[in-house]
Amino acid sequence: MDWSKIKTIFILTFLVLDIYLMYEFFKLKDASQYEPMAQASFEKRLKTDEIEFDVDLPKNNPKDRYLSAKPMVFDIEEMEEAKKTKLKGQDITITEGTVLNSVLDEPYKISEKFNPSELSSFIKNKVLYGDQYRFWEKSKNSNTLTYYQQFEDKMFYMNLNGELTFYLNEENEIVSYKQTMLEDIEEMQESEKVIQPIKAIETLSENGSLQPKSKITNVELGYFTLVHSSSSLVLTPAWRFVINGEENLFVHAFEGQIIQLTNEEKKIVE
């Protein structure tokens, strides 16, 4: 056995391995340095475009996961029992099994400059599962107040299956409401990191959705419907950006794509 040749082979093998490991090390180092540089460059461009922030962006990478859920079918017997307690003073009907309609015996007055705190007590005491909804908007055109269901303090954006809508008369009084709700909400995977909001903002900017001289007035993480069948839904984490206190823009929090609204969803926003 030629130990000299074996020794030479070992030396060459370890030399190749060392070169490969050094290559991988410097590649990772360059990548880690590039990301902050790219982010700093984009933040400089935001200043050039006069895009302002009214909120502090999260600096860490929060984790989230896909969810599955299904529309709740309201139980008629349960509704009849609730009419004696929580739903007392309301004329309740159920349509298609999943939509609860209520007409109030006595209209509920709200102020012209509505504040969501005005309805907190009513929703808590007079609406089934009312504590699971959060205020979305007061429509200027259709005299409605819209709330959406939330899960772990994150809203189900534009979700017609988890919506609470109050209807107002000409005297600015609530006269009725409609309610839908999601149930059997389950995690579909282990939590993983979502993209940072600054990366989502860069996508909106490059796409032309975020115009120069805009002001980002709110940033939050919630859920958007990814897949919708007749019996179930798949919900994906999504970044919501409120622009100039009016417009809502959404970005898929895992894949970084802009979420386009359907015609029906645009009606809700407008």
C-alpha atoms as a PDB file:
ATOM      1  CA  MET A   1       0.000   0.000   0.000  1.00  0.00           C
ATOM      2  CA  ASP A   2       1.393   3.388  -1.086  1.00  0.00           C
ATOM      3  CA  TRP A   3       0.807   5.589   1.986  1.00  0.00           C
ATOM      4  CA  SER A   4       2.341   8.571   0.231  1.00  0.00           C
ATOM      5  CA  LYS A   5      -0.323   8.482  -2.481  1.00  0.00           C
ATOM      6  CA  ILE A   6      -3.116   8.009   0.085  1.00  0.00           C
ATOM      7  CA  LYS A   7      -1.807  10.947   2.094  1.00  0.00           C
ATOM      8  CA  THR A   8      -1.725  13.105  -1.046  1.00  0.00           C
ATOM      9  CA  ILE A   9      -5.341  12.121  -1.897  1.00  0.00           C
ATOM     10  CA  PHE A  10      -6.499  13.045   1.638  1.00  0.00           C
ATOM     11  CA  ILE A  11      -4.737  16.407   1.476  1.00  0.00           C
ATOM     12  CA  LEU A  12      -6.291  17.215  -1.916  1.00  0.00           C
ATOM     13  CA  THR A  13      -9.736  16.097  -0.720  1.00  0.00           C
ATOM     14  CA  PHE A  14      -9.617  18.300   2.377  1.00  0.00           C
ATOM     15  CA  LEU A  15      -8.252  21.185   0.306  1.00  0.00           C
ATOM     16  CA  VAL A  16     -11.234  20.949  -2.076  1.00  0.00           C
ATOM     17  CA  LEU A  17     -13.607  20.721   0.895  1.00  0.00           C
ATOM     18  CA  ASP A  18     -12.020  23.793   2.500  1.00  0.00           C
ATOM     19  CA  ILE A  19     -12.337  25.757  -0.741  1.00  0.00           C
ATOM     20  CA  TYR A  20     -16.012  24.781  -1.043  1.00  0.00           C
ATOM     21  CA  LEU A  21     -16.758  25.726   2.579  1.00  0.00           C
ATOM     22  CA  MET A  22     -15.001  29.072   2.142  1.00  0.00           C
ATOM     23  CA  TYR A  23     -17.049  29.711  -1.006  1.00  0.00           C
ATOM     24  CA  GLU A  24     -20.329  28.985   0.816  1.00  0.00           C
ATOM     25  CA  PHE A  25     -19.268  31.162   3.765  1.00  0.00           C
ATOM     26  CA  PHE A  26     -18.514  34.206   1.618  1.00  0.00           C
ATOM     27  CA  LYS A  27     -21.687  33.687  -0.423  1.00  0.00           C
ATOM     28  CA  LEU A  28     -23.791  33.753   2.740  1.00  0.00           C
ATOM     29  CA  LYS A  29     -21.850  36.732   4.060  1.00  0.00           C
ATOM     30  CA  ASP A  30     -22.434  38.673   0.848  1.00  0.00           C
ATOM     31  CA  ALA A  31     -26.143  37.832   0.936  1.00  0.00           C
ATOM     32  CA  SER A  32     -26.488  38.955   4.537  1.00  0.00           C
ATOM     33  CA  GLN A  33     -24.769  42.228   3.713  1.00  0.00           C
ATOM     34  CA  TYR A  34     -26.789  42.789   0.539  1.00  0.00           C
ATOM     35  CA  GLU A  35     -30.208  42.719   2.227  1.00  0.00           C
ATOM     36  CA  PRO A  36     -29.577  45.654   4.624  1.00  0.00           C
ATOM     37  CA  MET A  37     -27.929  47.572   1.776  1.00  0.00           C
ATOM     38  CA  ALA A  38     -30.918  46.944  -0.509  1.00  0.00           C
ATOM     39  CA  GLN A  39     -33.312  47.928   2.272  1.00  0.00           C
ATOM     40  CA  ALA A  40     -31.367  51.123   2.974  1.00  0.00           C
ATOM     41  CA  SER A  41     -31.427  51.944  -0.746  1.00  0.00           C
ATOM     42  CA  PHE A  42     -35.204  51.447  -0.913  1.00  0.00           C
ATOM     43  CA  GLU A  43     -35.805  53.525   2.236  1.00  0.00           C
ATOM     44  CA  LYS A  44     -33.799  56.312   0.581  1.00  0.00           C
ATOM     45  CA  ARG A  45     -36.045  56.031  -2.469  1.00  0.00           C
ATOM     46  CA  LEU A  46     -39.119  56.333  -0.222  1.00  0.00           C
ATOM     47  CA  LYS A  47     -37.773  59.643   1.055  1.00  0.00           C
ATOM     48  CA  THR A  48     -37.147  60.808  -2.507  1.00  0.00           C
ATOM     49  CA  ASP A  49     -40.766  59.911  -3.407  1.00  0.00           C
ATOM     50  CA  GLU A  50     -41.940  61.738  -0.246  1.00  0.00           C
ATOM     51  CA  ILE A  51     -43.716  58.664   1.081  1.00  0.00           C
ATOM     52  CA  GLU A  52     -44.348  59.150   4.801  1.00  0.00           C
ATOM     53  CA  PHE A  53     -45.236  56.861   7.704  1.00  0.00           C
ATOM     54  CA  ASP A  54     -47.701  57.637  10.469  1.00  0.00           C
ATOM     55  CA  VAL A  55     -46.860  54.317  12.153  1.00  0.00           C
ATOM     56  CA  ASP A  56     -43.753  52.422  13.182  1.00  0.00           C
ATOM     57  CA  LEU A  57     -43.098  49.363  11.033  1.00  0.00           C
ATOM     58  CA  PRO A  58     -42.412  46.086  12.858  1.00  0.00           C
ATOM     59  CA  LYS A  59     -38.677  45.427  12.766  1.00  0.00           C
ATOM     60  CA  ASN A  60     -38.788  41.712  13.541  1.00  0.00           C
ATOM     61  CA  ASN A  61     -40.105  38.887  11.348  1.00  0.00           C
ATOM     62  CA  PRO A  62     -43.376  37.731  12.942  1.00  0.00           C
ATOM     63  CA  LYS A  63     -44.550  34.186  12.352  1.00  0.00           C
ATOM     64  CA  ASP A  64     -47.924  33.040  11.078  1.00  0.00           C
ATOM     65  CA  ARG A  65     -49.637  30.160   9.262  1.00  0.00           C
ATOM     66  CA  TYR A  66     -52.430  29.278   6.865  1.00  0.00           C
ATOM     67  CA  LEU A  67     -55.857  28.664   8.436  1.00  0.00           C
ATOM     68  CA  SER A  68     -58.877  26.648   7.428  1.00  0.00           C
ATOM     69  CA  ALA A  69     -62.456  27.502   8.447  1.00  0.00           C
ATOM     70  CA  LYS A  70     -66.056  26.958   7.430  1.00  0.00           C
ATOM     71  CA  PRO A  71     -69.189  29.136   7.470  1.00  0.00           C
ATOM     72  CA  MET A  72     -71.280  28.699  10.595  1.00  0.00           C
ATOM     73  CA  VAL A  73     -74.776  27.287  10.142  1.00  0.00           C
ATOM     74  CA  PHE A  74     -76.988  28.996  12.719  1.00  0.00           C
ATOM     75  CA  ASP A  75     -79.107  26.621  14.786  1.00  0.00           C
ATOM     76  CA  ILE A  76     -82.807  27.577  14.738  1.00  0.00           C
ATOM     77  CA  GLU A  77     -83.506  26.164  18.204  1.00  0.00           C
ATOM     78  CA  GLU A  78     -80.509  28.022  19.634  1.00  0.00           C
ATOM     79  CA  MET A  79     -81.812  31.233  18.060  1.00  0.00           C
ATOM     80  CA  GLU A  80     -85.257  30.732  19.610  1.00  0.00           C
ATOM     81  CA  GLU A  81     -83.649  30.312  23.012  1.00  0.00           C
ATOM     82  CA  ALA A  82     -81.400  33.361  22.473  1.00  0.00           C
ATOM     83  CA  LYS A  83     -84.467  35.507  21.716  1.00  0.00           C
ATOM     84  CA  LYS A  84     -85.348  35.223  25.400  1.00  0.00           C
ATOM     85  CA  THR A  85     -81.971  36.581  26.503  1.00  0.00           C
ATOM     86  CA  LYS A  86     -79.269  38.094  24.287  1.00  0.00           C
ATOM     87  CA  LEU A  87     -81.473  38.614  21.225  1.00  0.00           C
ATOM     88  CA  LYS A  88     -84.450  39.927  23.173  1.00  0.00           C
ATOM     89  CA  GLY A  89     -86.093  42.899  21.438  1.00  0.00           C
ATOM     90  CA  GLN A  90     -85.038  41.686  17.988  1.00  0.00           C
ATOM     91  CA  ASP A  91     -86.966  39.972  15.196  1.00  0.00           C
ATOM     92  CA  ILE A  92     -84.604  37.209  14.048  1.00  0.00           C
ATOM     93  CA  THR A  93     -84.689  35.287  10.768  1.00  0.00           C
ATOM     94  CA  ILE A  94     -82.136  32.916   9.226  1.00  0.00           C
ATOM     95  CA  THR A  95     -81.540  32.775   5.460  1.00  0.00           C
ATOM     96  CA  GLU A  96     -79.626  29.994   3.687  1.00  0.00           C
ATOM     97  CA  GLY A  97     -78.665  28.683   7.108  1.00  0.00           C
ATOM     98  CA  THR A  98     -75.582  30.896   7.377  1.00  0.00           C
ATOM     99  CA  VAL A  99     -77.005  34.440   7.493  1.00  0.00           C
ATOM    100  CA  LEU A 100     -78.613  35.813  10.655  1.00  0.00           C
ATOM    101  CA  ASN A 101     -80.906  38.802  10.035  1.00  0.00           C
ATOM    102  CA  SER A 102     -82.092  41.001  12.893  1.00  0.00           C
ATOM    103  CA  VAL A 103     -84.635  43.830  12.926  1.00  0.00           C
ATOM    104  CA  LEU A 104     -84.556  45.857  16.146  1.00  0.00           C
ATOM    105  CA  ASP A 105     -87.824  46.561  17.971  1.00  0.00           C
ATOM    106  CA  GLU A 106     -86.388  49.970  18.894  1.00  0.00           C
ATOM    107  CA  PRO A 107     -83.832  51.817  16.707  1.00  0.00           C
ATOM    108  CA  TYR A 108     -80.417  52.417  18.277  1.00  0.00           C
ATOM    109  CA  LYS A 109     -79.160  56.003  17.905  1.00  0.00           C
ATOM    110  CA  ILE A 110     -75.536  56.768  17.063  1.00  0.00           C
ATOM    111  CA  SER A 111     -73.780  60.126  16.655  1.00  0.00           C
ATOM    112  CA  GLU A 112     -73.066  61.823  13.334  1.00  0.00           C
ATOM    113  CA  LYS A 113     -69.310  61.498  13.973  1.00  0.00           C
ATOM    114  CA  PHE A 114     -69.492  57.825  14.843  1.00  0.00           C
ATOM    115  CA  ASN A 115     -66.911  56.298  17.159  1.00  0.00           C
ATOM    116  CA  PRO A 116     -66.781  52.481  17.421  1.00  0.00           C
ATOM    117  CA  SER A 117     -66.863  52.736  21.229  1.00  0.00           C
ATOM    118  CA  GLU A 118     -70.514  53.835  20.912  1.00  0.00           C
ATOM    119  CA  LEU A 119     -71.504  50.327  19.808  1.00  0.00           C
ATOM    120  CA  SER A 120     -69.193  48.304  22.076  1.00  0.00           C
ATOM    121  CA  SER A 121     -71.833  47.639  24.717  1.00  0.00           C
ATOM    122  CA  PHE A 122     -74.569  46.826  22.184  1.00  0.00           C
ATOM    123  CA  ILE A 123     -72.372  44.382  20.260  1.00  0.00           C
ATOM    124  CA  LYS A 124     -71.212  42.700  23.454  1.00  0.00           C
ATOM    125  CA  ASN A 125     -74.687  42.329  24.953  1.00  0.00           C
ATOM    126  CA  LYS A 126     -77.024  42.123  21.938  1.00  0.00           C
ATOM    127  CA  VAL A 127     -75.073  40.310  19.201  1.00  0.00           C
ATOM    128  CA  LEU A 128     -74.187  36.619  19.299  1.00  0.00           C
ATOM    129  CA  TYR A 129     -70.401  36.169  19.601  1.00  0.00           C
ATOM    130  CA  GLY A 130     -70.138  39.953  19.314  1.00  0.00           C
ATOM    131  CA  ASP A 131     -66.722  40.074  20.983  1.00  0.00           C
ATOM    132  CA  GLN A 132     -65.245  38.273  17.963  1.00  0.00           C
ATOM    133  CA  TYR A 133     -65.829  41.202  15.570  1.00  0.00           C
ATOM    134  CA  ARG A 134     -63.827  44.384  15.016  1.00  0.00           C
ATOM    135  CA  PHE A 135     -64.861  47.650  13.377  1.00  0.00           C
ATOM    136  CA  TRP A 136     -63.920  48.116   9.719  1.00  0.00           C
ATOM    137  CA  GLU A 137     -65.689  51.176   8.314  1.00  0.00           C
ATOM    138  CA  LYS A 138     -68.692  53.474   8.273  1.00  0.00           C
ATOM    139  CA  SER A 139     -69.848  53.724   4.683  1.00  0.00           C
ATOM    140  CA  LYS A 140     -70.597  57.182   3.349  1.00  0.00           C
ATOM    141  CA  ASN A 141     -72.779  55.904   0.521  1.00  0.00           C
ATOM    142  CA  SER A 142     -74.916  53.060   1.850  1.00  0.00           C
ATOM    143  CA  ASN A 143     -75.562  54.056   5.501  1.00  0.00           C
ATOM    144  CA  THR A 144     -73.939  50.961   6.923  1.00  0.00           C
ATOM    145  CA  LEU A 145     -71.427  50.097   9.623  1.00  0.00           C
ATOM    146  CA  THR A 146     -69.232  47.103   8.819  1.00  0.00           C
ATOM    147  CA  TYR A 147     -67.352  44.862  11.219  1.00  0.00           C
ATOM    148  CA  TYR A 148     -65.277  41.787  10.414  1.00  0.00           C
ATOM    149  CA  GLN A 149     -64.573  38.720  12.487  1.00  0.00           C
ATOM    150  CA  GLN A 150     -61.111  38.340  13.953  1.00  0.00           C
ATOM    151  CA  PHE A 151     -58.995  35.440  15.174  1.00  0.00           C
ATOM    152  CA  GLU A 152     -56.253  35.956  17.753  1.00  0.00           C
ATOM    153  CA  ASP A 153     -56.666  39.739  17.275  1.00  0.00           C
ATOM    154  CA  LYS A 154     -56.135  39.474  13.489  1.00  0.00           C
ATOM    155  CA  MET A 155     -58.973  40.463  11.183  1.00  0.00           C
ATOM    156  CA  PHE A 156     -60.486  38.378   8.384  1.00  0.00           C
ATOM    157  CA  TYR A 157     -60.269  41.101   5.737  1.00  0.00           C
ATOM    158  CA  MET A 158     -63.230  41.549   3.365  1.00  0.00           C
ATOM    159  CA  ASN A 159     -64.641  38.186   4.401  1.00  0.00           C
ATOM    160  CA  LEU A 160     -68.342  37.937   3.571  1.00  0.00           C
ATOM    161  CA  ASN A 161     -68.528  34.779   5.714  1.00  0.00           C
ATOM    162  CA  GLY A 162     -67.321  36.579   8.841  1.00  0.00           C
ATOM    163  CA  GLU A 163     -69.109  39.907   8.581  1.00  0.00           C
ATOM    164  CA  LEU A 164     -71.365  41.980  10.822  1.00  0.00           C
ATOM    165  CA  THR A 165     -73.225  44.803   9.036  1.00  0.00           C
ATOM    166  CA  PHE A 166     -75.467  47.375  10.722  1.00  0.00           C
ATOM    167  CA  TYR A 167     -78.046  49.300   8.653  1.00  0.00           C
ATOM    168  CA  LEU A 168     -78.963  52.904   9.462  1.00  0.00           C
ATOM    169  CA  ASN A 169     -82.089  54.938   8.710  1.00  0.00           C
ATOM    170  CA  GLU A 170     -82.168  58.612   7.731  1.00  0.00           C
ATOM    171  CA  GLU A 171     -82.147  59.644  11.407  1.00  0.00           C
ATOM    172  CA  ASN A 172     -78.757  57.948  11.860  1.00  0.00           C
ATOM    173  CA  GLU A 173     -80.296  55.119  13.877  1.00  0.00           C
ATOM    174  CA  ILE A 174     -79.463  51.432  13.605  1.00  0.00           C
ATOM    175  CA  VAL A 175     -82.635  49.617  12.613  1.00  0.00           C
ATOM    176  CA  SER A 176     -81.282  46.188  11.659  1.00  0.00           C
ATOM    177  CA  TYR A 177     -78.156  44.117  11.161  1.00  0.00           C
ATOM    178  CA  LYS A 178     -76.918  41.071   9.255  1.00  0.00           C
ATOM    179  CA  GLN A 179     -74.384  38.588  10.606  1.00  0.00           C
ATOM    180  CA  THR A 180     -72.280  35.766   9.196  1.00  0.00           C
ATOM    181  CA  MET A 181     -69.555  33.878  11.041  1.00  0.00           C
ATOM    182  CA  LEU A 182     -66.707  31.430  10.503  1.00  0.00           C
ATOM    183  CA  GLU A 183     -66.220  28.432  12.783  1.00  0.00           C
ATOM    184  CA  ASP A 184     -63.938  25.399  13.160  1.00  0.00           C
ATOM    185  CA  ILE A 185     -60.911  27.630  12.592  1.00  0.00           C
ATOM    186  CA  GLU A 186     -57.805  25.450  12.499  1.00  0.00           C
ATOM    187  CA  GLU A 187     -54.109  25.856  11.752  1.00  0.00           C
ATOM    188  CA  MET A 188     -53.022  24.110   8.560  1.00  0.00           C
ATOM    189  CA  GLN A 189     -49.261  24.093   9.205  1.00  0.00           C
ATOM    190  CA  GLU A 190     -46.523  25.035  11.623  1.00  0.00           C
ATOM    191  CA  SER A 191     -45.924  28.773  11.991  1.00  0.00           C
ATOM    192  CA  GLU A 192     -43.243  30.261   9.753  1.00  0.00           C
ATOM    193  CA  LYS A 193     -41.805  33.721   9.227  1.00  0.00           C
ATOM    194  CA  VAL A 194     -43.724  36.180   7.076  1.00  0.00           C
ATOM    195  CA  ILE A 195     -42.031  38.811   4.936  1.00  0.00           C
ATOM    196  CA  GLN A 196     -41.156  42.108   6.594  1.00  0.00           C
ATOM    197  CA  PRO A 197     -43.631  44.936   5.900  1.00  0.00           C
ATOM    198  CA  ILE A 198     -40.891  47.070   4.296  1.00  0.00           C
ATOM    199  CA  LYS A 199     -40.494  44.336   1.659  1.00  0.00           C
ATOM    200  CA  ALA A 200     -44.266  44.375   1.021  1.00  0.00           C
ATOM    201  CA  ILE A 201     -44.152  48.169   0.680  1.00  0.00           C
ATOM    202  CA  GLU A 202     -41.355  47.810  -1.880  1.00  0.00           C
ATOM    203  CA  THR A 203     -43.597  45.474  -3.905  1.00  0.00           C
ATOM    204  CA  LEU A 204     -46.453  48.002  -3.781  1.00  0.00           C
ATOM    205  CA  SER A 205     -44.100  50.775  -4.862  1.00  0.00           C
ATOM    206  CA  GLU A 206     -42.588  48.859  -7.773  1.00  0.00           C
ATOM    207  CA  ASN A 207     -46.061  47.835  -8.928  1.00  0.00           C
ATOM    208  CA  GLY A 208     -47.262  51.449  -8.950  1.00  0.00           C
ATOM    209  CA  SER A 209     -49.911  50.819  -6.280  1.00  0.00           C
ATOM    210  CA  LEU A 210     -48.135  53.155  -3.848  1.00  0.00           C
ATOM    211  CA  GLN A 211     -47.963  56.616  -5.336  1.00  0.00           C
ATOM    212  CA  PRO A 212     -45.349  59.317  -4.515  1.00  0.00           C
ATOM    213  CA  LYS A 213     -46.340  61.716  -1.699  1.00  0.00           C
ATOM    214  CA  SER A 214     -48.532  59.034  -0.109  1.00  0.00           C
ATOM    215  CA  LYS A 215     -48.804  58.607   3.645  1.00  0.00           C
ATOM    216  CA  ILE A 216     -49.022  55.117   5.191  1.00  0.00           C
ATOM    217  CA  THR A 217     -51.380  55.624   8.128  1.00  0.00           C
ATOM    218  CA  ASN A 218     -51.746  52.045   9.373  1.00  0.00           C
ATOM    219  CA  VAL A 219     -49.990  48.692   9.010  1.00  0.00           C
ATOM    220  CA  GLU A 220     -51.277  45.411  10.411  1.00  0.00           C
ATOM    221  CA  LEU A 221     -51.215  41.673   9.830  1.00  0.00           C
ATOM    222  CA  GLY A 222     -54.483  39.816   9.241  1.00  0.00           C
ATOM    223  CA  TYR A 223     -55.997  37.134   6.994  1.00  0.00           C
ATOM    224  CA  PHE A 224     -57.340  37.081   3.465  1.00  0.00           C
ATOM    225  CA  THR A 225     -59.341  34.337   1.744  1.00  0.00           C
ATOM    226  CA  LEU A 226     -57.015  32.320  -0.506  1.00  0.00           C
ATOM    227  CA  VAL A 227     -59.382  29.483  -1.485  1.00  0.00           C
ATOM    228  CA  HIS A 228     -63.171  29.546  -1.132  1.00  0.00           C
ATOM    229  CA  SER A 229     -65.406  26.553  -1.757  1.00  0.00           C
ATOM    230  CA  SER A 230     -69.065  26.069  -0.845  1.00  0.00           C
ATOM    231  CA  SER A 231     -68.189  24.352   2.428  1.00  0.00           C
ATOM    232  CA  SER A 232     -64.782  25.672   3.545  1.00  0.00           C
ATOM    233  CA  LEU A 233     -62.170  28.383   3.213  1.00  0.00           C
ATOM    234  CA  VAL A 234     -58.383  28.583   3.274  1.00  0.00           C
ATOM    235  CA  LEU A 235     -57.065  31.833   4.762  1.00  0.00           C
ATOM    236  CA  THR A 236     -53.597  33.257   4.222  1.00  0.00           C
ATOM    237  CA  PRO A 237     -51.742  35.835   6.339  1.00  0.00           C
ATOM    238  CA  ALA A 238     -51.735  39.233   4.626  1.00  0.00           C
ATOM    239  CA  TRP A 239     -50.216  42.627   5.334  1.00  0.00           C
ATOM    240  CA  ARG A 240     -52.747  45.459   5.228  1.00  0.00           C
ATOM    241  CA  PHE A 241     -51.555  48.983   4.454  1.00  0.00           C
ATOM    242  CA  VAL A 242     -53.900  51.954   4.861  1.00  0.00           C
ATOM    243  CA  ILE A 243     -52.903  54.785   2.519  1.00  0.00           C
ATOM    244  CA  ASN A 244     -53.838  58.372   3.388  1.00  0.00           C
ATOM    245  CA  GLY A 245     -56.397  57.080   5.896  1.00  0.00           C
ATOM    246  CA  GLU A 246     -58.633  55.841   3.065  1.00  0.00           C
ATOM    247  CA  GLU A 247     -57.286  53.258   0.631  1.00  0.00           C
ATOM    248  CA  ASN A 248     -56.521  49.668   1.662  1.00  0.00           C
ATOM    249  CA  LEU A 249     -53.723  47.696  -0.019  1.00  0.00           C
ATOM    250  CA  PHE A 250     -52.975  44.036   0.746  1.00  0.00           C
ATOM    251  CA  VAL A 251     -49.880  41.888   0.220  1.00  0.00           C
ATOM    252  CA  HIS A 252     -49.600  38.113   0.671  1.00  0.00           C
ATOM    253  CA  ALA A 253     -47.445  37.810   3.792  1.00  0.00           C
ATOM    254  CA  PHE A 254     -45.694  34.602   2.690  1.00  0.00           C
ATOM    255  CA  GLU A 255     -45.255  35.007  -1.058  1.00  0.00           C
ATOM    256  CA  GLY A 256     -45.094  38.804  -1.248  1.00  0.00           C
ATOM    257  CA  GLN A 257     -47.659  39.161  -4.046  1.00  0.00           C
ATOM    258  CA  ILE A 258     -50.197  41.982  -4.160  1.00  0.00           C
ATOM    259  CA  ILE A 259     -53.704  40.697  -3.423  1.00  0.00           C
ATOM    260  CA  GLN A 260     -56.150  41.964  -6.028  1.00  0.00           C
ATOM    261  CA  LEU A 261     -59.710  42.633  -4.879  1.00  0.00           C
ATOM    262  CA  THR A 262     -62.691  41.188  -6.716  1.00  0.00           C
ATOM    263  CA  ASN A 263     -65.501  43.461  -7.914  1.00  0.00           C
ATOM    264  CA  GLU A 264     -67.628  42.482  -4.918  1.00  0.00           C
ATOM    265  CA  GLU A 265     -64.810  43.242  -2.510  1.00  0.00           C
ATOM    266  CA  LYS A 266     -64.240  46.632  -4.175  1.00  0.00           C
ATOM    267  CA  LYS A 267     -67.836  47.476  -3.439  1.00  0.00           C
ATOM    268  CA  ILE A 268     -67.178  46.803   0.223  1.00  0.00           C
ATOM    269  CA  VAL A 269     -64.119  49.055   0.329  1.00  0.00           C
ATOM    270  CA  GLU A 270     -65.786  51.891  -1.543  1.00  0.00           C
END
